[in-house]
Amino acid sequence: MQYSPKQGTRSHGLLHDPFKSSTVPRPIGWLSTTSKDGKDNLAPYSQYQNLTWDPPMVMFAANQSVLGDHERKDTVKNIEETGWFVWNMATYDLREAVNLSAKALDYDVDEFDYAGVTKEECIEAPGYRVKESPIHFECEYVQTLRIPTGDPVSTVDIVIGRVAHVHIDDRFITDEGKIDIPSIRPIARLGYYDYTVVDKIFEMKAPAASKEELAGLEGRNFDNKSDDEE
């Protein structure tokens, strides 16, 4: 099959749009923010990804509300007003809390409490991170890109942040100095109502890559050499 995804000419003929189920799996941006008047917010975003590693930067995209006057999401407004947000890794054990935090609640409702997770103070960012999550990025706001949608009064907000502080639960760091992803079991977004879990990994090295290129792909830190490399 083939079709054009242009507004008004979506001719795939399927009961469900296949686009979201083709760009998979997608990391979940489970983001905590604090408003300028001290209200805490927690929400998942399925359009989330890292941009670069030196310096480490991430991005997420947030659609405006489809109701009323196309209000921008509280997460975006909080980030632009305070200059910070926190990414909390979403895991299989936390899947129900992630799902609960997706509900649109009144401004005064605290999603941490609603989702049943614990607040833990950050080092640099205002507000809190999810204590039960094994990995957190405290991110300093860089900029917002606003991209027009098919609706003439609506935009998609693409928010970029620089990772200023990283927290990793020591229980999930191996003796080789790597993160034990199969033990953490992160979840990722598919299409429809579907998610997946990372509980199996395999390794492939880039063919004909130099030692330096392989080190870059692996994220190898040469400042911490093993005894047999010295």
N, C-alpha and C. Protein backbone atom coordinates (compact mmCIF):
# COMPACT_ATOMS: atom_id res chain seq x y z
N MET A 1 0.83 -1.19 0.00
CA MET A 1 0.00 0.00 0.00
C MET A 1 0.87 1.24 0.00
N GLN A 2 0.31 2.35 -0.34
CA GLN A 2 0.96 3.64 -0.23
C GLN A 2 -0.13 4.69 -0.06
N TYR A 3 0.25 5.81 0.57
CA TYR A 3 -0.74 6.86 0.78
C TYR A 3 -0.04 8.17 1.06
N SER A 4 -0.78 9.26 0.97
CA SER A 4 -0.27 10.59 1.30
C SER A 4 -0.81 11.00 2.67
N PRO A 5 0.07 11.39 3.60
CA PRO A 5 -0.40 11.79 4.93
C PRO A 5 -0.83 13.25 5.01
N LYS A 6 -0.94 13.95 3.90
CA LYS A 6 -1.31 15.36 3.93
C LYS A 6 -2.69 15.54 4.54
N GLN A 7 -2.85 16.68 5.22
CA GLN A 7 -4.13 16.99 5.85
C GLN A 7 -5.26 16.96 4.81
N GLY A 8 -6.30 16.21 5.11
CA GLY A 8 -7.45 16.16 4.22
C GLY A 8 -7.36 15.12 3.12
N THR A 9 -6.17 14.49 2.95
CA THR A 9 -6.02 13.50 1.88
C THR A 9 -5.45 12.19 2.41
N ARG A 10 -5.71 11.89 3.70
CA ARG A 10 -5.15 10.69 4.31
C ARG A 10 -5.88 9.47 3.77
N SER A 11 -5.30 8.85 2.78
CA SER A 11 -6.00 7.83 2.01
C SER A 11 -5.47 6.42 2.25
N HIS A 12 -4.98 6.14 3.48
CA HIS A 12 -4.45 4.80 3.71
C HIS A 12 -5.57 3.75 3.80
N GLY A 13 -6.79 4.18 4.09
CA GLY A 13 -7.91 3.26 4.08
C GLY A 13 -7.94 2.30 5.25
N LEU A 14 -7.08 2.49 6.24
CA LEU A 14 -7.03 1.61 7.39
C LEU A 14 -7.86 2.17 8.53
N LEU A 15 -8.26 1.30 9.42
CA LEU A 15 -9.03 1.74 10.58
C LEU A 15 -8.18 2.59 11.51
N HIS A 16 -6.85 2.34 11.55
CA HIS A 16 -5.93 3.07 12.42
C HIS A 16 -4.77 3.63 11.58
N ASP A 17 -4.35 4.83 11.92
CA ASP A 17 -3.23 5.47 11.23
C ASP A 17 -1.95 4.67 11.48
N PRO A 18 -1.23 4.25 10.44
CA PRO A 18 -0.04 3.42 10.63
C PRO A 18 1.22 4.19 10.99
N PHE A 19 1.20 5.51 10.95
CA PHE A 19 2.45 6.27 11.11
C PHE A 19 3.10 6.01 12.46
N LYS A 20 2.34 6.17 13.54
CA LYS A 20 2.93 6.01 14.87
C LYS A 20 3.44 4.59 15.12
N SER A 21 2.85 3.62 14.45
CA SER A 21 3.28 2.24 14.64
C SER A 21 4.41 1.85 13.71
N SER A 22 4.89 2.80 12.93
CA SER A 22 6.04 2.56 12.06
C SER A 22 7.31 3.19 12.61
N THR A 23 7.18 4.32 13.28
CA THR A 23 8.34 4.97 13.89
C THR A 23 8.45 4.50 15.34
N VAL A 24 8.96 3.27 15.50
CA VAL A 24 8.99 2.63 16.82
C VAL A 24 10.31 1.88 17.03
N PRO A 25 10.63 1.57 18.29
CA PRO A 25 10.01 2.07 19.53
C PRO A 25 10.51 3.47 19.85
N ARG A 26 9.71 4.23 20.58
CA ARG A 26 10.08 5.60 20.93
C ARG A 26 10.30 5.71 22.43
N PRO A 27 11.43 6.28 22.87
CA PRO A 27 11.63 6.51 24.29
C PRO A 27 10.54 7.41 24.84
N ILE A 28 10.21 7.22 26.09
CA ILE A 28 9.17 8.02 26.74
C ILE A 28 9.80 9.16 27.51
N GLY A 29 9.39 10.37 27.21
CA GLY A 29 9.87 11.52 27.96
C GLY A 29 8.97 11.74 29.17
N TRP A 30 9.28 11.07 30.27
CA TRP A 30 8.48 11.25 31.50
C TRP A 30 9.06 12.44 32.23
N LEU A 31 8.43 13.59 32.08
CA LEU A 31 9.02 14.87 32.45
C LEU A 31 8.35 15.49 33.66
N SER A 32 9.18 15.92 34.60
CA SER A 32 8.68 16.65 35.77
C SER A 32 9.15 18.10 35.68
N THR A 33 8.24 18.99 36.01
CA THR A 33 8.53 20.43 36.00
C THR A 33 7.85 21.08 37.19
N THR A 34 8.23 22.32 37.44
CA THR A 34 7.59 23.12 38.48
C THR A 34 7.24 24.48 37.87
N SER A 35 6.04 24.95 38.16
CA SER A 35 5.62 26.24 37.64
C SER A 35 6.28 27.37 38.43
N LYS A 36 6.18 28.57 37.92
CA LYS A 36 6.80 29.71 38.60
C LYS A 36 6.14 30.01 39.93
N ASP A 37 4.89 29.52 40.12
CA ASP A 37 4.22 29.70 41.42
C ASP A 37 4.27 28.44 42.28
N GLY A 38 5.18 27.49 41.92
CA GLY A 38 5.45 26.35 42.80
C GLY A 38 4.56 25.14 42.64
N LYS A 39 3.81 25.03 41.53
CA LYS A 39 2.98 23.84 41.29
C LYS A 39 3.82 22.79 40.57
N ASP A 40 3.81 21.55 41.10
CA ASP A 40 4.58 20.47 40.50
C ASP A 40 3.76 19.75 39.45
N ASN A 41 4.44 19.35 38.37
CA ASN A 41 3.78 18.71 37.25
C ASN A 41 4.59 17.50 36.80
N LEU A 42 3.90 16.44 36.39
CA LEU A 42 4.55 15.23 35.89
C LEU A 42 3.72 14.69 34.75
N ALA A 43 4.36 14.46 33.58
CA ALA A 43 3.61 14.01 32.42
C ALA A 43 4.53 13.26 31.45
N PRO A 44 3.98 12.24 30.76
CA PRO A 44 4.77 11.51 29.77
C PRO A 44 4.58 12.07 28.36
N TYR A 45 5.66 12.07 27.59
CA TYR A 45 5.62 12.50 26.19
C TYR A 45 6.27 11.41 25.34
N SER A 46 5.56 10.98 24.30
CA SER A 46 6.05 9.86 23.50
C SER A 46 6.90 10.31 22.31
N GLN A 47 7.02 11.63 22.11
CA GLN A 47 7.94 12.15 21.10
C GLN A 47 9.14 12.75 21.84
N TYR A 48 10.09 11.89 22.17
CA TYR A 48 11.24 12.30 22.99
C TYR A 48 12.48 11.59 22.47
N GLN A 49 13.63 12.30 22.51
CA GLN A 49 14.86 11.68 22.02
C GLN A 49 16.06 12.52 22.44
N ASN A 50 17.24 11.89 22.43
CA ASN A 50 18.47 12.65 22.62
C ASN A 50 18.89 13.26 21.28
N LEU A 51 19.61 14.38 21.34
CA LEU A 51 20.05 15.07 20.13
C LEU A 51 21.54 14.91 19.90
N THR A 52 22.31 15.03 20.95
CA THR A 52 23.76 14.93 20.83
C THR A 52 24.31 14.58 22.20
N TRP A 53 25.60 14.18 22.23
CA TRP A 53 26.15 13.71 23.50
C TRP A 53 27.24 14.61 24.05
N ASP A 54 27.70 15.62 23.30
CA ASP A 54 28.79 16.48 23.78
C ASP A 54 28.56 17.91 23.31
N PRO A 55 27.82 18.71 24.09
CA PRO A 55 27.22 18.37 25.39
C PRO A 55 25.96 17.54 25.21
N PRO A 56 25.59 16.75 26.21
CA PRO A 56 24.37 15.95 26.08
C PRO A 56 23.14 16.85 26.03
N MET A 57 22.31 16.64 25.01
CA MET A 57 21.10 17.43 24.85
C MET A 57 19.95 16.50 24.46
N VAL A 58 18.75 16.87 24.89
CA VAL A 58 17.55 16.09 24.57
C VAL A 58 16.46 17.01 24.05
N MET A 59 15.44 16.41 23.45
CA MET A 59 14.31 17.17 22.96
C MET A 59 13.03 16.38 23.15
N PHE A 60 11.92 17.10 23.20
CA PHE A 60 10.62 16.45 23.14
C PHE A 60 9.66 17.36 22.41
N ALA A 61 8.61 16.77 21.88
CA ALA A 61 7.60 17.54 21.15
C ALA A 61 6.27 17.43 21.88
N ALA A 62 5.58 18.56 22.00
CA ALA A 62 4.29 18.61 22.69
C ALA A 62 3.26 19.28 21.78
N ASN A 63 2.20 18.56 21.50
CA ASN A 63 1.09 19.15 20.75
C ASN A 63 0.28 20.06 21.67
N GLN A 64 -0.30 21.08 21.10
CA GLN A 64 -1.20 21.92 21.88
C GLN A 64 -2.51 21.17 22.13
N SER A 65 -3.26 21.66 23.08
CA SER A 65 -4.56 21.06 23.37
C SER A 65 -5.46 21.16 22.14
N VAL A 66 -6.20 20.09 21.89
CA VAL A 66 -7.14 20.11 20.77
C VAL A 66 -8.48 20.72 21.16
N LEU A 67 -8.60 21.07 22.44
CA LEU A 67 -9.84 21.66 22.93
C LEU A 67 -9.66 23.15 23.17
N GLY A 68 -10.76 23.87 23.18
CA GLY A 68 -10.73 25.28 23.57
C GLY A 68 -9.89 26.14 22.64
N ASP A 69 -8.96 26.91 23.24
CA ASP A 69 -8.20 27.88 22.46
C ASP A 69 -6.78 27.40 22.20
N HIS A 70 -6.59 26.09 22.06
CA HIS A 70 -5.27 25.52 21.73
C HIS A 70 -4.21 25.92 22.75
N GLU A 71 -4.52 25.75 24.01
CA GLU A 71 -3.56 26.04 25.08
C GLU A 71 -2.32 25.18 24.96
N ARG A 72 -1.16 25.76 25.22
CA ARG A 72 0.07 24.99 25.24
C ARG A 72 0.13 24.21 26.55
N LYS A 73 0.85 23.09 26.52
CA LYS A 73 0.91 22.19 27.67
C LYS A 73 1.59 22.87 28.85
N ASP A 74 1.15 22.51 30.07
CA ASP A 74 1.75 23.07 31.28
C ASP A 74 3.24 22.78 31.34
N THR A 75 3.66 21.60 30.87
CA THR A 75 5.08 21.26 30.88
C THR A 75 5.89 22.28 30.12
N VAL A 76 5.43 22.64 28.93
CA VAL A 76 6.16 23.60 28.09
C VAL A 76 6.19 24.97 28.75
N LYS A 77 5.05 25.40 29.26
CA LYS A 77 5.00 26.72 29.91
C LYS A 77 5.91 26.77 31.14
N ASN A 78 5.90 25.69 31.92
CA ASN A 78 6.76 25.65 33.11
C ASN A 78 8.24 25.73 32.74
N ILE A 79 8.63 25.00 31.71
CA ILE A 79 10.03 24.99 31.28
C ILE A 79 10.47 26.37 30.83
N GLU A 80 9.64 27.02 30.04
CA GLU A 80 10.01 28.33 29.52
C GLU A 80 10.06 29.38 30.63
N GLU A 81 9.24 29.21 31.65
CA GLU A 81 9.21 30.19 32.74
C GLU A 81 10.31 29.98 33.77
N THR A 82 10.68 28.72 34.02
CA THR A 82 11.69 28.44 35.05
C THR A 82 13.06 28.10 34.49
N GLY A 83 13.10 27.64 33.22
CA GLY A 83 14.37 27.31 32.60
C GLY A 83 14.85 25.89 32.87
N TRP A 84 13.97 25.01 33.41
CA TRP A 84 14.41 23.66 33.78
C TRP A 84 13.32 22.63 33.58
N PHE A 85 13.74 21.38 33.33
CA PHE A 85 12.85 20.23 33.41
C PHE A 85 13.69 19.01 33.76
N VAL A 86 13.02 17.94 34.19
CA VAL A 86 13.70 16.71 34.58
C VAL A 86 13.10 15.54 33.80
N TRP A 87 13.99 14.74 33.20
CA TRP A 87 13.55 13.49 32.57
C TRP A 87 13.73 12.36 33.56
N ASN A 88 12.67 11.57 33.74
CA ASN A 88 12.68 10.41 34.62
C ASN A 88 12.50 9.16 33.76
N MET A 89 13.41 8.19 33.86
CA MET A 89 13.28 7.00 33.03
C MET A 89 12.01 6.23 33.40
N ALA A 90 11.20 5.91 32.39
CA ALA A 90 9.98 5.13 32.59
C ALA A 90 10.31 3.65 32.47
N THR A 91 9.94 2.87 33.47
CA THR A 91 10.26 1.45 33.50
C THR A 91 8.99 0.61 33.57
N TYR A 92 9.16 -0.68 33.36
CA TYR A 92 8.02 -1.59 33.42
C TYR A 92 7.36 -1.56 34.79
N ASP A 93 8.16 -1.52 35.84
CA ASP A 93 7.61 -1.48 37.19
C ASP A 93 6.81 -0.20 37.45
N LEU A 94 7.13 0.87 36.72
CA LEU A 94 6.47 2.16 36.91
C LEU A 94 5.40 2.44 35.84
N ARG A 95 5.08 1.44 35.05
CA ARG A 95 4.20 1.66 33.90
C ARG A 95 2.84 2.23 34.28
N GLU A 96 2.26 1.77 35.39
CA GLU A 96 0.94 2.27 35.79
C GLU A 96 1.02 3.72 36.23
N ALA A 97 2.10 4.08 36.92
CA ALA A 97 2.28 5.47 37.33
C ALA A 97 2.47 6.37 36.12
N VAL A 98 3.23 5.89 35.13
CA VAL A 98 3.42 6.67 33.90
C VAL A 98 2.07 6.90 33.23
N ASN A 99 1.26 5.87 33.16
CA ASN A 99 -0.04 5.97 32.50
C ASN A 99 -0.97 6.92 33.26
N LEU A 100 -0.97 6.84 34.58
CA LEU A 100 -1.81 7.73 35.39
C LEU A 100 -1.41 9.19 35.20
N SER A 101 -0.12 9.44 35.09
CA SER A 101 0.36 10.82 34.96
C SER A 101 0.01 11.44 33.61
N ALA A 102 -0.47 10.61 32.68
CA ALA A 102 -0.86 11.13 31.36
C ALA A 102 -2.23 11.79 31.39
N LYS A 103 -2.98 11.58 32.45
CA LYS A 103 -4.35 12.13 32.50
C LYS A 103 -4.32 13.64 32.63
N ALA A 104 -5.19 14.29 31.88
CA ALA A 104 -5.33 15.75 31.97
C ALA A 104 -6.07 16.10 33.26
N LEU A 105 -5.36 16.75 34.18
CA LEU A 105 -5.92 17.09 35.48
C LEU A 105 -6.00 18.60 35.65
N ASP A 106 -6.75 19.02 36.63
CA ASP A 106 -6.82 20.44 36.94
C ASP A 106 -5.44 20.96 37.35
N TYR A 107 -5.22 22.24 37.15
CA TYR A 107 -3.91 22.85 37.38
C TYR A 107 -3.41 22.63 38.81
N ASP A 108 -4.32 22.62 39.76
CA ASP A 108 -3.92 22.51 41.17
C ASP A 108 -3.64 21.07 41.61
N VAL A 109 -3.93 20.09 40.77
CA VAL A 109 -3.71 18.68 41.14
C VAL A 109 -2.25 18.31 40.90
N ASP A 110 -1.63 17.69 41.88
CA ASP A 110 -0.24 17.28 41.81
C ASP A 110 -0.16 15.88 41.20
N GLU A 111 0.45 15.76 40.00
CA GLU A 111 0.52 14.46 39.33
C GLU A 111 1.41 13.46 40.07
N PHE A 112 2.37 13.93 40.84
CA PHE A 112 3.17 13.02 41.65
C PHE A 112 2.26 12.26 42.61
N ASP A 113 1.41 13.00 43.30
CA ASP A 113 0.49 12.37 44.25
C ASP A 113 -0.53 11.50 43.52
N TYR A 114 -1.06 11.99 42.43
CA TYR A 114 -2.07 11.25 41.68
C TYR A 114 -1.53 9.93 41.15
N ALA A 115 -0.26 9.94 40.70
CA ALA A 115 0.35 8.73 40.15
C ALA A 115 0.93 7.83 41.23
N GLY A 116 0.99 8.33 42.47
CA GLY A 116 1.48 7.51 43.57
C GLY A 116 2.98 7.32 43.60
N VAL A 117 3.73 8.33 43.14
CA VAL A 117 5.19 8.25 43.18
C VAL A 117 5.74 9.28 44.17
N THR A 118 7.01 9.08 44.53
CA THR A 118 7.64 9.89 45.58
C THR A 118 8.48 11.01 44.99
N LYS A 119 8.39 12.18 45.58
CA LYS A 119 9.21 13.30 45.15
C LYS A 119 10.60 13.23 45.78
N GLU A 120 11.61 13.51 44.95
CA GLU A 120 12.98 13.60 45.46
C GLU A 120 13.61 14.87 44.91
N GLU A 121 14.26 15.63 45.78
CA GLU A 121 14.80 16.92 45.37
C GLU A 121 15.90 16.76 44.33
N CYS A 122 16.00 17.75 43.46
CA CYS A 122 17.05 17.78 42.45
C CYS A 122 18.27 18.53 42.98
N ILE A 123 19.35 18.48 42.24
CA ILE A 123 20.58 19.18 42.61
C ILE A 123 20.59 20.59 42.04
N GLU A 124 20.22 20.72 40.77
CA GLU A 124 20.26 22.03 40.10
C GLU A 124 18.89 22.53 39.70
N ALA A 125 18.05 21.64 39.24
CA ALA A 125 16.73 22.06 38.77
C ALA A 125 15.79 22.35 39.93
N PRO A 126 14.91 23.32 39.78
CA PRO A 126 13.87 23.52 40.79
C PRO A 126 12.88 22.37 40.73
N GLY A 127 12.21 22.11 41.81
CA GLY A 127 11.22 21.05 41.79
C GLY A 127 11.82 19.68 42.08
N TYR A 128 11.16 18.64 41.57
CA TYR A 128 11.47 17.29 42.00
C TYR A 128 11.63 16.32 40.84
N ARG A 129 12.24 15.18 41.15
CA ARG A 129 12.31 14.03 40.25
C ARG A 129 11.56 12.87 40.90
N VAL A 130 11.29 11.83 40.11
CA VAL A 130 10.58 10.66 40.62
C VAL A 130 11.59 9.74 41.30
N LYS A 131 11.48 9.60 42.60
CA LYS A 131 12.46 8.83 43.36
C LYS A 131 12.54 7.38 42.89
N GLU A 132 11.42 6.78 42.53
CA GLU A 132 11.41 5.38 42.14
C GLU A 132 12.05 5.12 40.77
N SER A 133 12.25 6.15 39.99
CA SER A 133 12.86 5.98 38.68
C SER A 133 14.37 5.79 38.83
N PRO A 134 15.00 4.89 38.05
CA PRO A 134 16.42 4.58 38.25
C PRO A 134 17.39 5.59 37.64
N ILE A 135 16.93 6.38 36.67
CA ILE A 135 17.82 7.34 36.01
C ILE A 135 17.07 8.65 35.79
N HIS A 136 17.75 9.77 36.07
CA HIS A 136 17.16 11.09 35.86
C HIS A 136 18.15 12.00 35.16
N PHE A 137 17.64 12.87 34.32
CA PHE A 137 18.42 13.97 33.73
C PHE A 137 17.80 15.28 34.19
N GLU A 138 18.57 16.10 34.88
CA GLU A 138 18.14 17.48 35.13
C GLU A 138 18.57 18.30 33.93
N CYS A 139 17.61 18.91 33.25
CA CYS A 139 17.87 19.55 31.97
C CYS A 139 17.62 21.06 32.04
N GLU A 140 18.58 21.80 31.54
CA GLU A 140 18.47 23.26 31.46
C GLU A 140 17.89 23.64 30.10
N TYR A 141 16.88 24.45 30.13
CA TYR A 141 16.18 24.85 28.90
C TYR A 141 17.10 25.58 27.94
N VAL A 142 17.02 25.21 26.66
CA VAL A 142 17.81 25.86 25.61
C VAL A 142 16.92 26.71 24.71
N GLN A 143 15.91 26.09 24.09
CA GLN A 143 15.02 26.85 23.22
C GLN A 143 13.79 26.02 22.86
N THR A 144 12.78 26.72 22.31
CA THR A 144 11.58 26.08 21.81
C THR A 144 11.42 26.41 20.33
N LEU A 145 11.16 25.39 19.53
CA LEU A 145 10.83 25.58 18.12
C LEU A 145 9.34 25.33 17.96
N ARG A 146 8.64 26.23 17.30
CA ARG A 146 7.21 26.06 17.11
C ARG A 146 6.94 25.79 15.63
N ILE A 147 6.41 24.62 15.37
CA ILE A 147 6.18 24.18 14.00
C ILE A 147 4.68 24.19 13.72
N PRO A 148 4.24 24.83 12.64
CA PRO A 148 2.81 24.85 12.32
C PRO A 148 2.29 23.45 12.04
N THR A 149 1.04 23.20 12.39
CA THR A 149 0.37 21.94 12.08
C THR A 149 -0.63 22.17 10.95
N GLY A 150 -1.49 21.18 10.71
CA GLY A 150 -2.52 21.35 9.69
C GLY A 150 -3.59 22.33 10.11
N ASP A 151 -3.67 22.60 11.42
CA ASP A 151 -4.63 23.57 11.94
C ASP A 151 -3.97 24.96 11.89
N PRO A 152 -4.59 25.94 11.27
CA PRO A 152 -3.95 27.26 11.08
C PRO A 152 -3.65 28.00 12.37
N VAL A 153 -4.27 27.63 13.50
CA VAL A 153 -4.01 28.33 14.76
C VAL A 153 -3.23 27.47 15.74
N SER A 154 -2.75 26.33 15.30
CA SER A 154 -2.08 25.40 16.21
C SER A 154 -0.63 25.19 15.80
N THR A 155 0.21 24.88 16.79
CA THR A 155 1.60 24.54 16.53
C THR A 155 2.01 23.35 17.39
N VAL A 156 3.12 22.73 17.01
CA VAL A 156 3.77 21.73 17.83
C VAL A 156 4.99 22.40 18.47
N ASP A 157 5.12 22.28 19.79
CA ASP A 157 6.26 22.85 20.50
C ASP A 157 7.36 21.81 20.63
N ILE A 158 8.50 22.08 20.03
CA ILE A 158 9.67 21.22 20.18
C ILE A 158 10.63 21.89 21.15
N VAL A 159 10.82 21.28 22.30
CA VAL A 159 11.61 21.87 23.38
C VAL A 159 12.95 21.15 23.47
N ILE A 160 14.02 21.93 23.52
CA ILE A 160 15.38 21.38 23.59
C ILE A 160 15.99 21.75 24.93
N GLY A 161 16.63 20.78 25.57
CA GLY A 161 17.28 21.02 26.85
C GLY A 161 18.69 20.45 26.88
N ARG A 162 19.56 21.08 27.64
CA ARG A 162 20.91 20.57 27.86
C ARG A 162 20.95 19.83 29.19
N VAL A 163 21.46 18.61 29.16
CA VAL A 163 21.52 17.81 30.38
C VAL A 163 22.61 18.37 31.29
N ALA A 164 22.18 18.90 32.44
CA ALA A 164 23.12 19.55 33.36
C ALA A 164 23.53 18.64 34.51
N HIS A 165 22.70 17.66 34.83
CA HIS A 165 23.01 16.78 35.96
C HIS A 165 22.34 15.43 35.73
N VAL A 166 23.09 14.35 35.97
CA VAL A 166 22.60 12.99 35.75
C VAL A 166 22.59 12.22 37.07
N HIS A 167 21.51 11.50 37.34
CA HIS A 167 21.41 10.62 38.50
C HIS A 167 21.22 9.19 38.01
N ILE A 168 21.99 8.23 38.52
CA ILE A 168 21.85 6.82 38.17
C ILE A 168 21.86 6.00 39.45
N ASP A 169 20.88 5.14 39.62
CA ASP A 169 20.82 4.26 40.77
C ASP A 169 21.99 3.28 40.70
N ASP A 170 22.83 3.27 41.74
CA ASP A 170 24.03 2.43 41.75
C ASP A 170 23.72 0.94 41.57
N ARG A 171 22.53 0.52 41.92
CA ARG A 171 22.17 -0.89 41.78
C ARG A 171 22.20 -1.35 40.34
N PHE A 172 22.09 -0.42 39.41
CA PHE A 172 22.01 -0.78 38.00
C PHE A 172 23.27 -0.43 37.22
N ILE A 173 24.39 -0.29 37.91
CA ILE A 173 25.68 -0.10 37.26
C ILE A 173 26.48 -1.38 37.43
N THR A 174 26.93 -1.96 36.33
CA THR A 174 27.64 -3.23 36.36
C THR A 174 29.10 -3.02 36.75
N ASP A 175 29.79 -4.13 37.00
CA ASP A 175 31.21 -4.08 37.32
C ASP A 175 32.04 -3.55 36.15
N GLU A 176 31.50 -3.65 34.93
CA GLU A 176 32.18 -3.12 33.75
C GLU A 176 31.92 -1.63 33.54
N GLY A 177 31.16 -1.02 34.46
CA GLY A 177 30.89 0.40 34.35
C GLY A 177 29.82 0.74 33.32
N LYS A 178 28.91 -0.19 33.07
CA LYS A 178 27.82 0.06 32.13
C LYS A 178 26.47 0.01 32.86
N ILE A 179 25.46 0.61 32.25
CA ILE A 179 24.12 0.55 32.82
C ILE A 179 23.49 -0.80 32.46
N ASP A 180 22.91 -1.45 33.44
CA ASP A 180 22.30 -2.75 33.26
C ASP A 180 20.85 -2.57 32.79
N ILE A 181 20.70 -2.33 31.50
CA ILE A 181 19.39 -2.03 30.93
C ILE A 181 18.40 -3.19 31.07
N PRO A 182 18.80 -4.44 30.83
CA PRO A 182 17.82 -5.53 31.00
C PRO A 182 17.24 -5.62 32.41
N SER A 183 18.03 -5.24 33.42
CA SER A 183 17.51 -5.27 34.79
C SER A 183 16.57 -4.10 35.06
N ILE A 184 16.84 -2.96 34.44
CA ILE A 184 15.96 -1.79 34.61
C ILE A 184 14.63 -2.00 33.90
N ARG A 185 14.65 -2.59 32.71
CA ARG A 185 13.47 -2.83 31.90
C ARG A 185 12.73 -1.54 31.54
N PRO A 186 13.39 -0.62 30.82
CA PRO A 186 12.69 0.58 30.37
C PRO A 186 11.53 0.22 29.44
N ILE A 187 10.51 1.05 29.43
CA ILE A 187 9.43 0.87 28.48
C ILE A 187 9.52 1.92 27.39
N ALA A 188 8.95 1.60 26.24
CA ALA A 188 8.97 2.50 25.09
C ALA A 188 7.60 2.49 24.43
N ARG A 189 7.32 3.53 23.70
CA ARG A 189 6.00 3.71 23.09
C ARG A 189 5.98 3.11 21.69
N LEU A 190 4.92 2.40 21.40
CA LEU A 190 4.64 1.94 20.05
C LEU A 190 3.46 2.76 19.54
N GLY A 191 2.65 2.21 18.68
CA GLY A 191 1.45 2.91 18.23
C GLY A 191 0.23 2.39 18.97
N TYR A 192 -0.96 2.88 18.53
CA TYR A 192 -2.22 2.44 19.13
C TYR A 192 -2.18 2.62 20.66
N TYR A 193 -2.53 1.60 21.41
CA TYR A 193 -2.39 1.63 22.88
C TYR A 193 -1.19 0.79 23.32
N ASP A 194 -0.27 0.54 22.43
CA ASP A 194 0.77 -0.46 22.66
C ASP A 194 2.09 0.15 23.15
N TYR A 195 2.74 -0.60 24.03
CA TYR A 195 4.07 -0.28 24.53
C TYR A 195 4.95 -1.52 24.40
N THR A 196 6.24 -1.35 24.60
CA THR A 196 7.14 -2.48 24.65
C THR A 196 8.11 -2.29 25.81
N VAL A 197 8.84 -3.35 26.16
CA VAL A 197 9.79 -3.28 27.26
C VAL A 197 11.15 -3.78 26.76
N VAL A 198 12.21 -3.13 27.21
CA VAL A 198 13.56 -3.56 26.85
C VAL A 198 14.05 -4.52 27.92
N ASP A 199 14.07 -5.80 27.57
CA ASP A 199 14.58 -6.79 28.51
C ASP A 199 15.57 -7.76 27.85
N LYS A 200 15.93 -7.46 26.61
CA LYS A 200 16.91 -8.27 25.89
C LYS A 200 17.71 -7.36 24.98
N ILE A 201 19.01 -7.50 24.98
CA ILE A 201 19.87 -6.67 24.13
C ILE A 201 20.84 -7.56 23.37
N PHE A 202 21.36 -7.05 22.25
CA PHE A 202 22.42 -7.73 21.52
C PHE A 202 23.41 -6.68 21.05
N GLU A 203 24.63 -7.10 20.79
CA GLU A 203 25.70 -6.16 20.45
C GLU A 203 26.12 -6.33 18.99
N MET A 204 26.35 -5.20 18.32
CA MET A 204 26.95 -5.18 16.98
C MET A 204 27.93 -4.03 16.93
N LYS A 205 29.14 -4.29 16.49
CA LYS A 205 30.14 -3.25 16.32
C LYS A 205 30.16 -2.80 14.86
N ALA A 206 30.35 -1.50 14.65
CA ALA A 206 30.39 -0.96 13.30
C ALA A 206 31.57 -1.56 12.54
N PRO A 207 31.35 -2.09 11.34
CA PRO A 207 32.45 -2.71 10.60
C PRO A 207 33.48 -1.68 10.13
N ALA A 208 34.75 -2.09 10.21
CA ALA A 208 35.87 -1.28 9.72
C ALA A 208 36.00 0.07 10.43
N ALA A 209 35.45 0.17 11.63
CA ALA A 209 35.56 1.43 12.39
C ALA A 209 36.91 1.47 13.10
N SER A 210 37.45 2.67 13.24
CA SER A 210 38.71 2.83 13.95
C SER A 210 38.49 2.66 15.45
N LYS A 211 39.59 2.54 16.18
CA LYS A 211 39.51 2.41 17.63
C LYS A 211 38.80 3.63 18.24
N GLU A 212 39.11 4.81 17.72
CA GLU A 212 38.50 6.04 18.23
C GLU A 212 37.01 6.09 17.90
N GLU A 213 36.64 5.65 16.69
CA GLU A 213 35.23 5.64 16.31
C GLU A 213 34.43 4.66 17.16
N LEU A 214 35.02 3.48 17.40
CA LEU A 214 34.35 2.50 18.24
C LEU A 214 34.17 3.02 19.66
N ALA A 215 35.20 3.72 20.17
CA ALA A 215 35.12 4.28 21.51
C ALA A 215 34.00 5.32 21.59
N GLY A 216 33.86 6.12 20.54
CA GLY A 216 32.79 7.11 20.52
C GLY A 216 31.42 6.47 20.49
N LEU A 217 31.26 5.40 19.70
CA LEU A 217 29.98 4.71 19.61
C LEU A 217 29.63 4.04 20.93
N GLU A 218 30.64 3.53 21.62
CA GLU A 218 30.40 2.85 22.89
C GLU A 218 30.24 3.81 24.04
N GLY A 219 30.68 5.06 23.83
CA GLY A 219 30.67 6.02 24.93
C GLY A 219 31.79 5.76 25.91
N ARG A 220 32.90 5.28 25.40
CA ARG A 220 34.01 4.88 26.26
C ARG A 220 34.71 6.10 26.85
N ASN A 221 34.97 6.05 28.14
CA ASN A 221 35.67 7.12 28.85
C ASN A 221 37.12 6.70 29.05
N PHE A 222 38.01 7.28 28.29
CA PHE A 222 39.43 6.90 28.37
C PHE A 222 40.11 7.44 29.61
N ASP A 223 39.44 8.30 30.37
CA ASP A 223 40.01 8.77 31.62
C ASP A 223 39.96 7.69 32.69
N ASN A 224 39.12 6.66 32.48
CA ASN A 224 38.98 5.56 33.45
C ASN A 224 39.36 4.26 32.77
N LYS A 225 40.65 4.06 32.50
CA LYS A 225 41.13 2.86 31.86
C LYS A 225 41.18 1.71 32.84
N SER A 226 40.98 0.51 32.32
CA SER A 226 41.12 -0.66 33.15
C SER A 226 42.59 -0.97 33.32
N ASP A 227 42.91 -1.83 34.30
CA ASP A 227 44.30 -2.15 34.61
C ASP A 227 45.06 -2.71 33.42
N ASP A 228 44.38 -3.52 32.57
CA ASP A 228 45.07 -4.14 31.46
C ASP A 228 45.28 -3.19 30.30
N GLU A 229 44.78 -1.97 30.40
CA GLU A 229 44.99 -0.98 29.35
C GLU A 229 46.04 0.02 29.72
N GLU A 230 46.52 0.03 30.94
CA GLU A 230 47.50 1.00 31.38
C GLU A 230 48.92 0.54 31.09
